[in-house]
Amino acid sequence: MPIKYDKLFALLKDRGLSSTYWLRQHGVYPATVNKLRKNERVNTDTIDTICRLLDCQPGDIMEYEDE
């Protein structure tokens, strides 16, 4: 997939947050967390939720890489 979420997990780590537990605790479903880990597609509501919770922009948690 051309969208990568490595920046999200790096940001969580930098803030000292356990990624899977923290995301689930704040309403991101386990299946969605798995999709993010595998760089699979998620809907914009998920991106909105994560950005709101982390007070960041989409570019802070994801990036486009041409295949």
PDB file of N, CA and C in Angstrom:
ATOM      1  N   MET A   1       0.833  -1.180   0.000  1.00  0.00           N
ATOM      2  CA  MET A   1       0.000   0.000   0.000  1.00  0.00           C
ATOM      3  C   MET A   1       0.880   1.247   0.000  1.00  0.00           C
ATOM      4  N   PRO A   2       0.477   2.229  -0.725  1.00  0.00           N
ATOM      5  CA  PRO A   2       1.300   3.451  -0.775  1.00  0.00           C
ATOM      6  C   PRO A   2       1.186   4.341   0.470  1.00  0.00           C
ATOM      7  N   ILE A   3       0.162   4.164   1.299  1.00  0.00           N
ATOM      8  CA  ILE A   3       0.050   4.952   2.526  1.00  0.00           C
ATOM      9  C   ILE A   3       0.681   4.155   3.667  1.00  0.00           C
ATOM     10  N   LYS A   4       1.604   4.787   4.355  1.00  0.00           N
ATOM     11  CA  LYS A   4       2.314   4.150   5.472  1.00  0.00           C
ATOM     12  C   LYS A   4       1.969   4.880   6.765  1.00  0.00           C
ATOM     13  N   TYR A   5       1.800   4.122   7.836  1.00  0.00           N
ATOM     14  CA  TYR A   5       1.458   4.681   9.138  1.00  0.00           C
ATOM     15  C   TYR A   5       2.601   4.551  10.138  1.00  0.00           C
ATOM     16  N   ASP A   6       3.809   4.373   9.648  1.00  0.00           N
ATOM     17  CA  ASP A   6       4.963   4.238  10.535  1.00  0.00           C
ATOM     18  C   ASP A   6       5.127   5.476  11.418  1.00  0.00           C
ATOM     19  N   LYS A   7       4.797   6.641  10.866  1.00  0.00           N
ATOM     20  CA  LYS A   7       4.925   7.886  11.633  1.00  0.00           C
ATOM     21  C   LYS A   7       3.999   7.890  12.851  1.00  0.00           C
ATOM     22  N   LEU A   8       2.836   7.272  12.721  1.00  0.00           N
ATOM     23  CA  LEU A   8       1.900   7.190  13.848  1.00  0.00           C
ATOM     24  C   LEU A   8       2.525   6.432  15.003  1.00  0.00           C
ATOM     25  N   PHE A   9       3.067   5.256  14.711  1.00  0.00           N
ATOM     26  CA  PHE A   9       3.620   4.424  15.772  1.00  0.00           C
ATOM     27  C   PHE A   9       4.897   5.027  16.352  1.00  0.00           C
ATOM     28  N   ALA A  10       5.663   5.752  15.532  1.00  0.00           N
ATOM     29  CA  ALA A  10       6.836   6.462  16.040  1.00  0.00           C
ATOM     30  C   ALA A  10       6.410   7.603  16.967  1.00  0.00           C
ATOM     31  N   LEU A  11       5.350   8.315  16.593  1.00  0.00           N
ATOM     32  CA  LEU A  11       4.836   9.410  17.411  1.00  0.00           C
ATOM     33  C   LEU A  11       4.339   8.897  18.761  1.00  0.00           C
ATOM     34  N   LEU A  12       3.596   7.795  18.730  1.00  0.00           N
ATOM     35  CA  LEU A  12       3.113   7.200  19.980  1.00  0.00           C
ATOM     36  C   LEU A  12       4.288   6.788  20.868  1.00  0.00           C
ATOM     37  N   LYS A  13       5.278   6.178  20.265  1.00  0.00           N
ATOM     38  CA  LYS A  13       6.458   5.742  21.022  1.00  0.00           C
ATOM     39  C   LYS A  13       7.187   6.945  21.624  1.00  0.00           C
ATOM     40  N   ASP A  14       7.357   8.005  20.831  1.00  0.00           N
ATOM     41  CA  ASP A  14       8.018   9.213  21.321  1.00  0.00           C
ATOM     42  C   ASP A  14       7.278   9.828  22.505  1.00  0.00           C
ATOM     43  N   ARG A  15       5.971   9.685  22.521  1.00  0.00           N
ATOM     44  CA  ARG A  15       5.159  10.235  23.612  1.00  0.00           C
ATOM     45  C   ARG A  15       5.010   9.268  24.781  1.00  0.00           C
ATOM     46  N   GLY A  16       5.642   8.102  24.651  1.00  0.00           N
ATOM     47  CA  GLY A  16       5.611   7.123  25.729  1.00  0.00           C
ATOM     48  C   GLY A  16       4.290   6.394  25.855  1.00  0.00           C
ATOM     49  N   LEU A  17       3.567   6.294  24.742  1.00  0.00           N
ATOM     50  CA  LEU A  17       2.255   5.642  24.752  1.00  0.00           C
ATOM     51  C   LEU A  17       2.356   4.256  24.134  1.00  0.00           C
ATOM     52  N   SER A  18       1.766   3.279  24.790  1.00  0.00           N
ATOM     53  CA  SER A  18       1.688   1.925  24.243  1.00  0.00           C
ATOM     54  C   SER A  18       0.669   1.949  23.108  1.00  0.00           C
ATOM     55  N   SER A  19       1.132   1.770  21.895  1.00  0.00           N
ATOM     56  CA  SER A  19       0.287   2.005  20.724  1.00  0.00           C
ATOM     57  C   SER A  19      -1.011   1.212  20.729  1.00  0.00           C
ATOM     58  N   THR A  20      -0.929  -0.077  20.832  1.00  0.00           N
ATOM     59  CA  THR A  20      -2.138  -0.886  20.734  1.00  0.00           C
ATOM     60  C   THR A  20      -3.092  -0.591  21.878  1.00  0.00           C
ATOM     61  N   TYR A  21      -2.594  -0.588  23.091  1.00  0.00           N
ATOM     62  CA  TYR A  21      -3.443  -0.348  24.257  1.00  0.00           C
ATOM     63  C   TYR A  21      -4.027   1.059  24.211  1.00  0.00           C
ATOM     64  N   TRP A  22      -3.198   2.055  23.938  1.00  0.00           N
ATOM     65  CA  TRP A  22      -3.652   3.440  23.951  1.00  0.00           C
ATOM     66  C   TRP A  22      -4.718   3.673  22.890  1.00  0.00           C
ATOM     67  N   LEU A  23      -4.505   3.181  21.679  1.00  0.00           N
ATOM     68  CA  LEU A  23      -5.490   3.366  20.610  1.00  0.00           C
ATOM     69  C   LEU A  23      -6.808   2.686  20.967  1.00  0.00           C
ATOM     70  N   ARG A  24      -6.732   1.464  21.454  1.00  0.00           N
ATOM     71  CA  ARG A  24      -7.956   0.738  21.827  1.00  0.00           C
ATOM     72  C   ARG A  24      -8.676   1.430  22.975  1.00  0.00           C
ATOM     73  N   GLN A  25      -7.919   1.938  23.922  1.00  0.00           N
ATOM     74  CA  GLN A  25      -8.493   2.611  25.080  1.00  0.00           C
ATOM     75  C   GLN A  25      -9.261   3.868  24.662  1.00  0.00           C
ATOM     76  N   HIS A  26      -8.876   4.466  23.552  1.00  0.00           N
ATOM     77  CA  HIS A  26      -9.510   5.686  23.079  1.00  0.00           C
ATOM     78  C   HIS A  26     -10.482   5.447  21.925  1.00  0.00           C
ATOM     79  N   GLY A  27     -10.965   4.223  21.782  1.00  0.00           N
ATOM     80  CA  GLY A  27     -12.052   3.952  20.861  1.00  0.00           C
ATOM     81  C   GLY A  27     -11.675   3.498  19.463  1.00  0.00           C
ATOM     82  N   VAL A  28     -10.400   3.232  19.224  1.00  0.00           N
ATOM     83  CA  VAL A  28     -10.000   2.703  17.917  1.00  0.00           C
ATOM     84  C   VAL A  28     -10.059   1.175  18.030  1.00  0.00           C
ATOM     85  N   TYR A  29     -10.882   0.568  17.198  1.00  0.00           N
ATOM     86  CA  TYR A  29     -11.116  -0.877  17.288  1.00  0.00           C
ATOM     87  C   TYR A  29      -9.845  -1.682  17.020  1.00  0.00           C
ATOM     88  N   PRO A  30      -9.708  -2.844  17.666  1.00  0.00           N
ATOM     89  CA  PRO A  30      -8.538  -3.697  17.441  1.00  0.00           C
ATOM     90  C   PRO A  30      -8.301  -4.019  15.965  1.00  0.00           C
ATOM     91  N   ALA A  31      -9.360  -4.250  15.216  1.00  0.00           N
ATOM     92  CA  ALA A  31      -9.200  -4.554  13.789  1.00  0.00           C
ATOM     93  C   ALA A  31      -8.604  -3.360  13.041  1.00  0.00           C
ATOM     94  N   THR A  32      -8.973  -2.166  13.465  1.00  0.00           N
ATOM     95  CA  THR A  32      -8.435  -0.959  12.836  1.00  0.00           C
ATOM     96  C   THR A  32      -6.968  -0.776  13.195  1.00  0.00           C
ATOM     97  N   VAL A  33      -6.619  -1.052  14.438  1.00  0.00           N
ATOM     98  CA  VAL A  33      -5.209  -0.979  14.851  1.00  0.00           C
ATOM     99  C   VAL A  33      -4.383  -1.947  14.004  1.00  0.00           C
ATOM    100  N   ASN A  34      -4.901  -3.140  13.784  1.00  0.00           N
ATOM    101  CA  ASN A  34      -4.195  -4.116  12.948  1.00  0.00           C
ATOM    102  C   ASN A  34      -4.040  -3.612  11.523  1.00  0.00           C
ATOM    103  N   LYS A  35      -5.061  -2.964  10.985  1.00  0.00           N
ATOM    104  CA  LYS A  35      -4.964  -2.393   9.642  1.00  0.00           C
ATOM    105  C   LYS A  35      -3.879  -1.327   9.587  1.00  0.00           C
ATOM    106  N   LEU A  36      -3.821  -0.482  10.611  1.00  0.00           N
ATOM    107  CA  LEU A  36      -2.792   0.552  10.658  1.00  0.00           C
ATOM    108  C   LEU A  36      -1.398  -0.068  10.706  1.00  0.00           C
ATOM    109  N   ARG A  37      -1.239  -1.100  11.503  1.00  0.00           N
ATOM    110  CA  ARG A  37       0.065  -1.788  11.595  1.00  0.00           C
ATOM    111  C   ARG A  37       0.483  -2.395  10.263  1.00  0.00           C
ATOM    112  N   LYS A  38      -0.486  -2.875   9.502  1.00  0.00           N
ATOM    113  CA  LYS A  38      -0.212  -3.517   8.211  1.00  0.00           C
ATOM    114  C   LYS A  38      -0.242  -2.516   7.051  1.00  0.00           C
ATOM    115  N   ASN A  39      -0.393  -1.232   7.371  1.00  0.00           N
ATOM    116  CA  ASN A  39      -0.475  -0.181   6.348  1.00  0.00           C
ATOM    117  C   ASN A  39      -1.611  -0.416   5.367  1.00  0.00           C
ATOM    118  N   GLU A  40      -2.730  -0.894   5.889  1.00  0.00           N
ATOM    119  CA  GLU A  40      -3.914  -1.104   5.065  1.00  0.00           C
ATOM    120  C   GLU A  40      -4.811   0.127   5.149  1.00  0.00           C
ATOM    121  N   ARG A  41      -5.801   0.179   4.297  1.00  0.00           N
ATOM    122  CA  ARG A  41      -6.703   1.326   4.244  1.00  0.00           C
ATOM    123  C   ARG A  41      -7.580   1.419   5.485  1.00  0.00           C
ATOM    124  N   VAL A  42      -7.708   2.652   5.979  1.00  0.00           N
ATOM    125  CA  VAL A  42      -8.651   2.961   7.050  1.00  0.00           C
ATOM    126  C   VAL A  42      -9.454   4.175   6.599  1.00  0.00           C
ATOM    127  N   ASN A  43     -10.613   4.382   7.194  1.00  0.00           N
ATOM    128  CA  ASN A  43     -11.447   5.498   6.744  1.00  0.00           C
ATOM    129  C   ASN A  43     -10.984   6.810   7.374  1.00  0.00           C
ATOM    130  N   THR A  44     -11.467   7.888   6.820  1.00  0.00           N
ATOM    131  CA  THR A  44     -11.046   9.204   7.291  1.00  0.00           C
ATOM    132  C   THR A  44     -11.553   9.513   8.696  1.00  0.00           C
ATOM    133  N   ASP A  45     -12.614   8.863   9.126  1.00  0.00           N
ATOM    134  CA  ASP A  45     -13.077   9.046  10.506  1.00  0.00           C
ATOM    135  C   ASP A  45     -12.012   8.569  11.490  1.00  0.00           C
ATOM    136  N   THR A  46     -11.331   7.495  11.137  1.00  0.00           N
ATOM    137  CA  THR A  46     -10.260   6.974  11.985  1.00  0.00           C
ATOM    138  C   THR A  46      -9.106   7.962  12.036  1.00  0.00           C
ATOM    139  N   ILE A  47      -8.724   8.492  10.887  1.00  0.00           N
ATOM    140  CA  ILE A  47      -7.644   9.478  10.836  1.00  0.00           C
ATOM    141  C   ILE A  47      -8.031  10.708  11.664  1.00  0.00           C
ATOM    142  N   ASP A  48      -9.278  11.147  11.516  1.00  0.00           N
ATOM    143  CA  ASP A  48      -9.783  12.290  12.274  1.00  0.00           C
ATOM    144  C   ASP A  48      -9.679  12.038  13.777  1.00  0.00           C
ATOM    145  N   THR A  49     -10.103  10.873  14.210  1.00  0.00           N
ATOM    146  CA  THR A  49     -10.073  10.520  15.635  1.00  0.00           C
ATOM    147  C   THR A  49      -8.646  10.539  16.164  1.00  0.00           C
ATOM    148  N   ILE A  50      -7.741   9.919  15.442  1.00  0.00           N
ATOM    149  CA  ILE A  50      -6.353   9.848  15.893  1.00  0.00           C
ATOM    150  C   ILE A  50      -5.733  11.246  15.954  1.00  0.00           C
ATOM    151  N   CYS A  51      -5.974  12.044  14.927  1.00  0.00           N
ATOM    152  CA  CYS A  51      -5.419  13.406  14.913  1.00  0.00           C
ATOM    153  C   CYS A  51      -5.984  14.251  16.054  1.00  0.00           C
ATOM    154  N   ARG A  52      -7.263  14.095  16.326  1.00  0.00           N
ATOM    155  CA  ARG A  52      -7.884  14.835  17.424  1.00  0.00           C
ATOM    156  C   ARG A  52      -7.285  14.412  18.764  1.00  0.00           C
ATOM    157  N   LEU A  53      -7.119  13.110  18.960  1.00  0.00           N
ATOM    158  CA  LEU A  53      -6.579  12.598  20.216  1.00  0.00           C
ATOM    159  C   LEU A  53      -5.123  13.006  20.430  1.00  0.00           C
ATOM    160  N   LEU A  54      -4.354  13.031  19.344  1.00  0.00           N
ATOM    161  CA  LEU A  54      -2.928  13.345  19.454  1.00  0.00           C
ATOM    162  C   LEU A  54      -2.619  14.818  19.194  1.00  0.00           C
ATOM    163  N   ASP A  55      -3.659  15.583  18.859  1.00  0.00           N
ATOM    164  CA  ASP A  55      -3.490  17.000  18.534  1.00  0.00           C
ATOM    165  C   ASP A  55      -2.406  17.171  17.467  1.00  0.00           C
ATOM    166  N   CYS A  56      -2.645  16.534  16.318  1.00  0.00           N
ATOM    167  CA  CYS A  56      -1.676  16.580  15.235  1.00  0.00           C
ATOM    168  C   CYS A  56      -2.394  16.645  13.887  1.00  0.00           C
ATOM    169  N   GLN A  57      -1.637  16.727  12.823  1.00  0.00           N
ATOM    170  CA  GLN A  57      -2.164  16.760  11.466  1.00  0.00           C
ATOM    171  C   GLN A  57      -1.983  15.383  10.822  1.00  0.00           C
ATOM    172  N   PRO A  58      -2.772  15.062   9.781  1.00  0.00           N
ATOM    173  CA  PRO A  58      -2.636  13.764   9.122  1.00  0.00           C
ATOM    174  C   PRO A  58      -1.206  13.467   8.658  1.00  0.00           C
ATOM    175  N   GLY A  59      -0.508  14.482   8.188  1.00  0.00           N
ATOM    176  CA  GLY A  59       0.870  14.282   7.747  1.00  0.00           C
ATOM    177  C   GLY A  59       1.831  13.911   8.865  1.00  0.00           C
ATOM    178  N   ASP A  60       1.394  14.115  10.109  1.00  0.00           N
ATOM    179  CA  ASP A  60       2.221  13.729  11.260  1.00  0.00           C
ATOM    180  C   ASP A  60       2.118  12.247  11.547  1.00  0.00           C
ATOM    181  N   ILE A  61       1.094  11.579  11.024  1.00  0.00           N
ATOM    182  CA  ILE A  61       0.880  10.167  11.358  1.00  0.00           C
ATOM    183  C   ILE A  61       0.914   9.243  10.141  1.00  0.00           C
ATOM    184  N   MET A  62       0.939   9.811   8.950  1.00  0.00           N
ATOM    185  CA  MET A  62       0.935   8.973   7.754  1.00  0.00           C
ATOM    186  C   MET A  62       1.688   9.662   6.629  1.00  0.00           C
ATOM    187  N   GLU A  63       2.147   8.862   5.671  1.00  0.00           N
ATOM    188  CA  GLU A  63       2.826   9.417   4.514  1.00  0.00           C
ATOM    189  C   GLU A  63       2.559   8.551   3.296  1.00  0.00           C
ATOM    190  N   TYR A  64       2.650   9.180   2.151  1.00  0.00           N
ATOM    191  CA  TYR A  64       2.439   8.495   0.866  1.00  0.00           C
ATOM    192  C   TYR A  64       3.795   8.101   0.298  1.00  0.00           C
ATOM    193  N   GLU A  65       3.911   6.837  -0.101  1.00  0.00           N
ATOM    194  CA  GLU A  65       5.109   6.343  -0.779  1.00  0.00           C
ATOM    195  C   GLU A  65       4.667   5.720  -2.080  1.00  0.00           C
ATOM    196  N   ASP A  66       5.187   6.211  -3.171  1.00  0.00           N
ATOM    197  CA  ASP A  66       4.866   5.640  -4.483  1.00  0.00           C
ATOM    198  C   ASP A  66       5.381   4.206  -4.532  1.00  0.00           C
ATOM    199  N   GLU A  67       4.563   3.306  -5.053  1.00  0.00           N
ATOM    200  CA  GLU A  67       4.945   1.881  -5.084  1.00  0.00           C
ATOM    201  C   GLU A  67       6.002   1.615  -6.094  1.00  0.00           C
TER     202      GLU A  67
END
